Amino acid sequence: MAGVPEGICRTLNKKGKKMKKKFKLEDLDCANCAAKMEEAIKKIEGVNDASVSFLAQKMTIDAEDGQFDEIMKKVVRVCEKVEPDCKILM
């Protein structure tokens, strides 16, 4: 998409705009923690989908565009609870 930074995709769904963003992770130590983070992120209201890859050290969040910043604050808190040393590089 022209004008949209790499790693960000905006599309329309029935509710309006949604955004899909990829983030690099630092110090994610195990696949089990990645699975727990992914499961917890998917439960956050406004999140349409999420994936956390231990091997790639990356996370993808698909959420409502208008709430994305607020959702990401919740994502950071969830990730800190599961893996306190893991950092989301934004």
C-alpha atoms as a PDB file:
ATOM      1  CA  MET A   1       0.000   0.000   0.000  1.00  0.00           C
ATOM      2  CA  ALA A   2       1.383   3.370  -0.962  1.00  0.00           C
ATOM      3  CA  GLY A   3       1.968   5.776   1.900  1.00  0.00           C
ATOM      4  CA  VAL A   4       1.776   3.110   4.608  1.00  0.00           C
ATOM      5  CA  PRO A   5       5.053   2.131   6.343  1.00  0.00           C
ATOM      6  CA  GLU A   6       6.342  -1.424   5.897  1.00  0.00           C
ATOM      7  CA  GLY A   7       4.904  -3.821   8.449  1.00  0.00           C
ATOM      8  CA  ILE A   8       1.582  -1.976   8.628  1.00  0.00           C
ATOM      9  CA  CYS A   9      -1.501  -2.943   6.657  1.00  0.00           C
ATOM     10  CA  ARG A  10      -4.852  -1.160   6.849  1.00  0.00           C
ATOM     11  CA  THR A  11      -7.994  -2.855   5.546  1.00  0.00           C
ATOM     12  CA  LEU A  12     -11.727  -2.448   5.962  1.00  0.00           C
ATOM     13  CA  ASN A  13     -13.951  -4.893   7.741  1.00  0.00           C
ATOM     14  CA  LYS A  14     -17.651  -4.724   8.675  1.00  0.00           C
ATOM     15  CA  LYS A  15     -16.901  -2.590  11.741  1.00  0.00           C
ATOM     16  CA  GLY A  16     -14.616  -0.154   9.898  1.00  0.00           C
ATOM     17  CA  LYS A  17     -10.861   0.112   9.609  1.00  0.00           C
ATOM     18  CA  LYS A  18      -8.577  -2.458  11.085  1.00  0.00           C
ATOM     19  CA  MET A  19      -4.805  -2.412  11.291  1.00  0.00           C
ATOM     20  CA  LYS A  20      -2.298  -5.234  11.137  1.00  0.00           C
ATOM     21  CA  LYS A  21       1.176  -4.480  12.508  1.00  0.00           C
ATOM     22  CA  LYS A  22       4.317  -6.527  12.978  1.00  0.00           C
ATOM     23  CA  PHE A  23       6.702  -5.992  15.881  1.00  0.00           C
ATOM     24  CA  LYS A  24      10.125  -7.392  16.680  1.00  0.00           C
ATOM     25  CA  LEU A  25      10.544  -8.985  20.099  1.00  0.00           C
ATOM     26  CA  GLU A  26      13.661  -8.972  22.223  1.00  0.00           C
ATOM     27  CA  ASP A  27      14.520 -11.570  24.887  1.00  0.00           C
ATOM     28  CA  LEU A  28      11.560 -13.891  24.332  1.00  0.00           C
ATOM     29  CA  ASP A  29      13.056 -16.979  25.972  1.00  0.00           C
ATOM     30  CA  CYS A  30      10.780 -19.910  25.172  1.00  0.00           C
ATOM     31  CA  ALA A  31       8.107 -21.192  22.805  1.00  0.00           C
ATOM     32  CA  ASN A  32       5.739 -21.909  25.694  1.00  0.00           C
ATOM     33  CA  CYS A  33       5.854 -18.239  26.764  1.00  0.00           C
ATOM     34  CA  ALA A  34       5.206 -17.172  23.159  1.00  0.00           C
ATOM     35  CA  ALA A  35       2.121 -19.418  23.053  1.00  0.00           C
ATOM     36  CA  LYS A  36       0.853 -18.016  26.373  1.00  0.00           C
ATOM     37  CA  MET A  37       1.378 -14.446  25.152  1.00  0.00           C
ATOM     38  CA  GLU A  38      -0.468 -15.157  21.903  1.00  0.00           C
ATOM     39  CA  GLU A  39      -3.392 -16.751  23.729  1.00  0.00           C
ATOM     40  CA  ALA A  40      -3.683 -13.833  26.180  1.00  0.00           C
ATOM     41  CA  ILE A  41      -3.414 -11.174  23.436  1.00  0.00           C
ATOM     42  CA  LYS A  42      -6.228 -12.807  21.448  1.00  0.00           C
ATOM     43  CA  LYS A  43      -8.521 -12.351  24.474  1.00  0.00           C
ATOM     44  CA  ILE A  44      -8.044  -8.546  24.516  1.00  0.00           C
ATOM     45  CA  GLU A  45     -11.163  -6.740  23.310  1.00  0.00           C
ATOM     46  CA  GLY A  46     -10.615  -5.208  19.874  1.00  0.00           C
ATOM     47  CA  VAL A  47      -7.974  -7.749  18.817  1.00  0.00           C
ATOM     48  CA  ASN A  48      -9.091  -9.637  15.704  1.00  0.00           C
ATOM     49  CA  ASP A  49      -6.046 -11.904  15.560  1.00  0.00           C
ATOM     50  CA  ALA A  50      -2.520 -12.198  16.928  1.00  0.00           C
ATOM     51  CA  SER A  51       0.522 -14.369  16.423  1.00  0.00           C
ATOM     52  CA  VAL A  52       3.744 -14.601  18.413  1.00  0.00           C
ATOM     53  CA  SER A  53       6.696 -16.463  16.909  1.00  0.00           C
ATOM     54  CA  PHE A  54       9.427 -17.608  19.273  1.00  0.00           C
ATOM     55  CA  LEU A  55      11.727 -18.662  16.414  1.00  0.00           C
ATOM     56  CA  ALA A  56      11.362 -15.411  14.461  1.00  0.00           C
ATOM     57  CA  GLN A  57      11.140 -13.264  17.621  1.00  0.00           C
ATOM     58  CA  LYS A  58       8.191 -11.424  16.026  1.00  0.00           C
ATOM     59  CA  MET A  59       4.612 -10.600  16.911  1.00  0.00           C
ATOM     60  CA  THR A  60       1.744  -9.667  14.593  1.00  0.00           C
ATOM     61  CA  ILE A  61      -1.330  -7.866  15.909  1.00  0.00           C
ATOM     62  CA  ASP A  62      -4.529  -7.414  13.879  1.00  0.00           C
ATOM     63  CA  ALA A  63      -6.843  -4.996  15.686  1.00  0.00           C
ATOM     64  CA  GLU A  64      -9.319  -2.162  15.246  1.00  0.00           C
ATOM     65  CA  ASP A  65      -7.503   0.910  13.887  1.00  0.00           C
ATOM     66  CA  GLY A  66      -9.247   3.479  16.078  1.00  0.00           C
ATOM     67  CA  GLN A  67      -8.310   1.605  19.272  1.00  0.00           C
ATOM     68  CA  PHE A  68      -4.861   0.376  18.216  1.00  0.00           C
ATOM     69  CA  ASP A  69      -2.781   2.511  20.608  1.00  0.00           C
ATOM     70  CA  GLU A  70      -4.959   1.577  23.584  1.00  0.00           C
ATOM     71  CA  ILE A  71      -4.906  -2.091  22.580  1.00  0.00           C
ATOM     72  CA  MET A  72      -1.102  -2.020  22.337  1.00  0.00           C
ATOM     73  CA  LYS A  73      -0.869  -0.719  25.920  1.00  0.00           C
ATOM     74  CA  LYS A  74      -2.856  -3.780  27.007  1.00  0.00           C
ATOM     75  CA  VAL A  75      -0.670  -6.044  24.835  1.00  0.00           C
ATOM     76  CA  VAL A  76       2.471  -4.697  26.529  1.00  0.00           C
ATOM     77  CA  ARG A  77       0.988  -5.334  30.002  1.00  0.00           C
ATOM     78  CA  VAL A  78      -0.042  -8.882  29.070  1.00  0.00           C
ATOM     79  CA  CYS A  79       3.384  -9.662  27.648  1.00  0.00           C
ATOM     80  CA  GLU A  80       5.138  -8.292  30.750  1.00  0.00           C
ATOM     81  CA  LYS A  81       3.061 -10.607  32.945  1.00  0.00           C
ATOM     82  CA  VAL A  82       3.969 -13.690  30.904  1.00  0.00           C
ATOM     83  CA  GLU A  83       7.600 -12.856  30.091  1.00  0.00           C
ATOM     84  CA  PRO A  84       8.912  -9.897  32.188  1.00  0.00           C
ATOM     85  CA  ASP A  85      12.233  -9.699  30.296  1.00  0.00           C
ATOM     86  CA  CYS A  86      10.658  -9.620  26.815  1.00  0.00           C
ATOM     87  CA  LYS A  87      10.518  -6.229  25.103  1.00  0.00           C
ATOM     88  CA  ILE A  88       8.290  -5.251  22.183  1.00  0.00           C
ATOM     89  CA  LEU A  89      10.302  -3.037  19.843  1.00  0.00           C
ATOM     90  CA  MET A  90       7.906  -0.378  18.543  1.00  0.00           C
END
